[in-house]
Amino acid sequence: MLTEYTNQLIQIKQIIGKDEYGDTQTEIKTIKGRLQFKHKIVVNAEGQQVTSSATLYTKENLKLSDYIVYNDKEFKIIAISEIVNLNGEIEFREVYI
């Protein structure tokens, strides 16, 4: 079901480590998903209520340290919800920015 809906190419900036000078190294990767802009109140990793400006629906396994790049702007991921099917398997993820 989600496969037909996730037809956008979304750029993700991931932190892959630090170089010999201590600077953060990143890489950009492209994934399939659906980015929907709509304000929503979500609970972040620290348990605080924050306002999300958009939701990314994807099957990719993203982390809270990742960024979504859209229109040359970087958006920090603030929360991730995993949607589980009746077999107990992760069907897709809702990623809030």
N, C-alpha and C. Protein backbone atom coordinates (compact mmCIF):
# COMPACT_ATOMS: atom_id res chain seq x y z
N MET A 1 0.82 -1.19 0.00
CA MET A 1 0.00 0.00 0.00
C MET A 1 0.86 1.25 0.00
N LEU A 2 1.85 1.33 0.85
CA LEU A 2 2.67 2.52 0.98
C LEU A 2 3.58 2.73 -0.23
N THR A 3 3.90 1.66 -0.95
CA THR A 3 4.82 1.75 -2.07
C THR A 3 4.33 2.73 -3.14
N GLU A 4 3.05 2.74 -3.45
CA GLU A 4 2.51 3.65 -4.45
C GLU A 4 2.50 5.08 -3.94
N TYR A 5 2.40 5.26 -2.65
CA TYR A 5 2.29 6.57 -2.03
C TYR A 5 3.66 7.24 -1.88
N THR A 6 4.72 6.46 -1.72
CA THR A 6 6.05 7.01 -1.49
C THR A 6 6.83 7.11 -2.80
N ASN A 7 6.44 8.05 -3.63
CA ASN A 7 7.05 8.18 -4.95
C ASN A 7 7.92 9.43 -5.08
N GLN A 8 8.20 10.13 -3.98
CA GLN A 8 9.09 11.28 -4.02
C GLN A 8 10.51 10.84 -3.70
N LEU A 9 11.49 11.51 -4.31
CA LEU A 9 12.88 11.27 -3.97
C LEU A 9 13.29 12.32 -2.93
N ILE A 10 13.69 11.85 -1.77
CA ILE A 10 14.00 12.72 -0.63
C ILE A 10 15.48 12.57 -0.31
N GLN A 11 16.17 13.70 -0.11
CA GLN A 11 17.58 13.66 0.26
C GLN A 11 17.71 13.66 1.78
N ILE A 12 18.57 12.76 2.27
CA ILE A 12 18.85 12.61 3.69
C ILE A 12 20.33 12.88 3.91
N LYS A 13 20.63 13.73 4.89
CA LYS A 13 22.02 13.99 5.28
C LYS A 13 22.30 13.22 6.56
N GLN A 14 23.26 12.28 6.48
CA GLN A 14 23.58 11.44 7.62
C GLN A 14 24.99 11.73 8.12
N ILE A 15 25.15 11.72 9.43
CA ILE A 15 26.46 11.87 10.05
C ILE A 15 27.13 10.50 10.04
N ILE A 16 28.33 10.43 9.47
CA ILE A 16 29.02 9.15 9.35
C ILE A 16 30.25 9.06 10.25
N GLY A 17 30.61 10.15 10.91
CA GLY A 17 31.75 10.11 11.82
C GLY A 17 32.47 11.44 11.87
N LYS A 18 33.70 11.37 12.37
CA LYS A 18 34.54 12.57 12.46
C LYS A 18 35.86 12.30 11.76
N ASP A 19 36.45 13.37 11.20
CA ASP A 19 37.75 13.22 10.56
C ASP A 19 38.86 13.38 11.58
N GLU A 20 40.11 13.37 11.11
CA GLU A 20 41.25 13.44 12.03
C GLU A 20 41.35 14.77 12.78
N TYR A 21 40.63 15.79 12.31
CA TYR A 21 40.62 17.09 12.98
C TYR A 21 39.43 17.27 13.91
N GLY A 22 38.57 16.27 14.00
CA GLY A 22 37.39 16.35 14.87
C GLY A 22 36.17 16.96 14.21
N ASP A 23 36.28 17.28 12.92
CA ASP A 23 35.13 17.83 12.19
C ASP A 23 34.17 16.71 11.80
N THR A 24 32.88 17.01 11.84
CA THR A 24 31.86 16.02 11.53
C THR A 24 31.83 15.74 10.04
N GLN A 25 31.82 14.46 9.68
CA GLN A 25 31.71 14.04 8.28
C GLN A 25 30.28 13.59 8.02
N THR A 26 29.74 14.01 6.89
CA THR A 26 28.37 13.65 6.53
C THR A 26 28.35 13.10 5.11
N GLU A 27 27.24 12.44 4.80
CA GLU A 27 27.00 12.00 3.43
C GLU A 27 25.53 12.23 3.11
N ILE A 28 25.26 12.52 1.85
CA ILE A 28 23.89 12.73 1.38
C ILE A 28 23.46 11.47 0.64
N LYS A 29 22.28 10.96 1.00
CA LYS A 29 21.75 9.81 0.28
C LYS A 29 20.30 10.12 -0.10
N THR A 30 19.84 9.52 -1.16
CA THR A 30 18.49 9.75 -1.65
C THR A 30 17.65 8.51 -1.36
N ILE A 31 16.47 8.75 -0.78
CA ILE A 31 15.55 7.67 -0.46
C ILE A 31 14.18 7.98 -1.07
N LYS A 32 13.31 6.98 -1.08
CA LYS A 32 11.93 7.19 -1.53
C LYS A 32 11.05 7.43 -0.32
N GLY A 33 10.12 8.34 -0.47
CA GLY A 33 9.22 8.64 0.63
C GLY A 33 8.13 9.61 0.19
N ARG A 34 7.36 10.06 1.14
CA ARG A 34 6.32 11.06 0.89
C ARG A 34 6.47 12.12 1.98
N LEU A 35 6.78 13.35 1.58
CA LEU A 35 6.95 14.46 2.51
C LEU A 35 5.67 15.29 2.49
N GLN A 36 5.05 15.40 3.64
CA GLN A 36 3.77 16.10 3.74
C GLN A 36 3.91 17.21 4.79
N PHE A 37 3.74 18.45 4.36
CA PHE A 37 3.87 19.59 5.27
C PHE A 37 2.54 19.84 5.97
N LYS A 38 2.57 19.70 7.29
CA LYS A 38 1.39 19.92 8.12
C LYS A 38 1.88 20.00 9.55
N HIS A 39 1.46 21.04 10.27
CA HIS A 39 1.90 21.21 11.65
C HIS A 39 1.19 20.21 12.55
N LYS A 40 1.99 19.64 13.47
CA LYS A 40 1.47 18.63 14.39
C LYS A 40 2.31 18.67 15.65
N ILE A 41 1.70 18.49 16.80
CA ILE A 41 2.43 18.42 18.05
C ILE A 41 2.83 16.98 18.30
N VAL A 42 4.15 16.75 18.50
CA VAL A 42 4.69 15.42 18.75
C VAL A 42 5.58 15.47 19.99
N VAL A 43 5.90 14.31 20.53
CA VAL A 43 6.80 14.21 21.67
C VAL A 43 8.18 13.79 21.15
N ASN A 44 9.21 14.59 21.48
CA ASN A 44 10.55 14.29 21.00
C ASN A 44 11.24 13.27 21.91
N ALA A 45 12.51 12.97 21.65
CA ALA A 45 13.25 11.95 22.40
C ALA A 45 13.44 12.30 23.87
N GLU A 46 13.38 13.59 24.21
CA GLU A 46 13.52 14.02 25.61
C GLU A 46 12.19 14.07 26.34
N GLY A 47 11.10 13.72 25.67
CA GLY A 47 9.78 13.71 26.29
C GLY A 47 9.07 15.05 26.26
N GLN A 48 9.59 16.00 25.52
CA GLN A 48 8.98 17.32 25.42
C GLN A 48 8.02 17.38 24.24
N GLN A 49 6.94 18.14 24.40
CA GLN A 49 6.04 18.37 23.28
C GLN A 49 6.60 19.47 22.40
N VAL A 50 6.76 19.17 21.12
CA VAL A 50 7.29 20.13 20.15
C VAL A 50 6.39 20.13 18.92
N THR A 51 6.46 21.21 18.15
CA THR A 51 5.66 21.31 16.94
C THR A 51 6.46 20.84 15.75
N SER A 52 5.92 19.88 15.05
CA SER A 52 6.52 19.36 13.83
C SER A 52 5.92 20.12 12.65
N SER A 53 6.76 20.49 11.68
CA SER A 53 6.25 21.22 10.52
C SER A 53 5.95 20.30 9.34
N ALA A 54 6.47 19.06 9.38
CA ALA A 54 6.23 18.13 8.27
C ALA A 54 6.42 16.70 8.75
N THR A 55 5.84 15.78 7.97
CA THR A 55 5.99 14.35 8.24
C THR A 55 6.50 13.67 6.98
N LEU A 56 7.52 12.84 7.15
CA LEU A 56 8.04 12.02 6.06
C LEU A 56 7.60 10.59 6.29
N TYR A 57 6.92 10.01 5.31
CA TYR A 57 6.51 8.60 5.36
C TYR A 57 7.50 7.82 4.51
N THR A 58 8.16 6.83 5.11
CA THR A 58 9.18 6.07 4.39
C THR A 58 9.36 4.69 5.01
N LYS A 59 9.95 3.79 4.24
CA LYS A 59 10.30 2.47 4.76
C LYS A 59 11.74 2.43 5.24
N GLU A 60 12.50 3.49 4.97
CA GLU A 60 13.91 3.55 5.35
C GLU A 60 14.07 3.69 6.86
N ASN A 61 15.16 3.14 7.38
CA ASN A 61 15.46 3.23 8.80
C ASN A 61 16.34 4.46 9.04
N LEU A 62 15.74 5.55 9.48
CA LEU A 62 16.46 6.79 9.74
C LEU A 62 16.72 6.95 11.23
N LYS A 63 17.62 7.87 11.58
CA LYS A 63 17.97 8.12 12.97
C LYS A 63 17.64 9.56 13.35
N LEU A 64 17.56 9.82 14.63
CA LEU A 64 17.28 11.17 15.11
C LEU A 64 18.42 12.13 14.79
N SER A 65 19.60 11.62 14.51
CA SER A 65 20.74 12.48 14.17
C SER A 65 20.77 12.87 12.69
N ASP A 66 19.85 12.33 11.88
CA ASP A 66 19.80 12.61 10.45
C ASP A 66 19.06 13.92 10.18
N TYR A 67 19.29 14.46 8.98
CA TYR A 67 18.61 15.67 8.52
C TYR A 67 17.92 15.37 7.19
N ILE A 68 16.80 16.02 6.95
CA ILE A 68 16.12 15.94 5.67
C ILE A 68 16.45 17.22 4.91
N VAL A 69 16.92 17.09 3.68
CA VAL A 69 17.28 18.25 2.86
C VAL A 69 16.15 18.46 1.85
N TYR A 70 15.54 19.66 1.92
CA TYR A 70 14.42 19.97 1.03
C TYR A 70 14.53 21.44 0.64
N ASN A 71 14.53 21.72 -0.66
CA ASN A 71 14.67 23.09 -1.18
C ASN A 71 15.91 23.79 -0.61
N ASP A 72 17.02 23.08 -0.58
CA ASP A 72 18.30 23.59 -0.09
C ASP A 72 18.29 23.99 1.38
N LYS A 73 17.33 23.49 2.15
CA LYS A 73 17.28 23.73 3.59
C LYS A 73 17.38 22.38 4.30
N GLU A 74 18.03 22.39 5.45
CA GLU A 74 18.16 21.18 6.25
C GLU A 74 17.19 21.22 7.41
N PHE A 75 16.44 20.13 7.59
CA PHE A 75 15.47 20.01 8.66
C PHE A 75 15.89 18.86 9.57
N LYS A 76 16.03 19.13 10.86
CA LYS A 76 16.44 18.13 11.85
C LYS A 76 15.25 17.21 12.15
N ILE A 77 15.52 15.93 12.22
CA ILE A 77 14.49 14.96 12.62
C ILE A 77 14.28 15.08 14.12
N ILE A 78 13.01 15.27 14.54
CA ILE A 78 12.74 15.45 15.97
C ILE A 78 12.07 14.24 16.60
N ALA A 79 11.43 13.39 15.80
CA ALA A 79 10.78 12.19 16.33
C ALA A 79 10.54 11.20 15.19
N ILE A 80 10.52 9.91 15.55
CA ILE A 80 10.26 8.84 14.58
C ILE A 80 9.27 7.87 15.19
N SER A 81 8.20 7.55 14.46
CA SER A 81 7.23 6.55 14.90
C SER A 81 7.28 5.38 13.92
N GLU A 82 7.31 4.17 14.45
CA GLU A 82 7.29 2.98 13.61
C GLU A 82 5.88 2.42 13.59
N ILE A 83 5.36 2.19 12.40
CA ILE A 83 4.02 1.63 12.22
C ILE A 83 4.18 0.14 11.96
N VAL A 84 3.58 -0.67 12.83
CA VAL A 84 3.73 -2.13 12.79
C VAL A 84 2.47 -2.76 12.20
N ASN A 85 2.66 -3.77 11.33
CA ASN A 85 1.50 -4.47 10.75
C ASN A 85 1.01 -5.57 11.69
N LEU A 86 0.02 -6.32 11.28
CA LEU A 86 -0.56 -7.35 12.13
C LEU A 86 0.38 -8.52 12.40
N ASN A 87 1.42 -8.68 11.59
CA ASN A 87 2.41 -9.73 11.81
C ASN A 87 3.51 -9.30 12.76
N GLY A 88 3.46 -8.06 13.24
CA GLY A 88 4.48 -7.55 14.14
C GLY A 88 5.71 -7.00 13.45
N GLU A 89 5.65 -6.86 12.13
CA GLU A 89 6.77 -6.33 11.36
C GLU A 89 6.55 -4.84 11.12
N ILE A 90 7.66 -4.10 11.02
CA ILE A 90 7.56 -2.66 10.75
C ILE A 90 7.13 -2.47 9.29
N GLU A 91 5.99 -1.83 9.12
CA GLU A 91 5.44 -1.57 7.78
C GLU A 91 6.09 -0.33 7.17
N PHE A 92 6.14 0.75 7.95
CA PHE A 92 6.79 1.99 7.51
C PHE A 92 7.04 2.87 8.73
N ARG A 93 7.69 3.99 8.51
CA ARG A 93 8.01 4.93 9.58
C ARG A 93 7.44 6.30 9.27
N GLU A 94 6.97 6.97 10.32
CA GLU A 94 6.58 8.38 10.22
C GLU A 94 7.70 9.17 10.88
N VAL A 95 8.36 10.01 10.09
CA VAL A 95 9.50 10.80 10.56
C VAL A 95 9.07 12.25 10.63
N TYR A 96 9.18 12.84 11.81
CA TYR A 96 8.71 14.22 12.04
C TYR A 96 9.88 15.19 12.04
N ILE A 97 9.71 16.30 11.31
CA ILE A 97 10.74 17.35 11.28
C ILE A 97 10.14 18.68 11.70
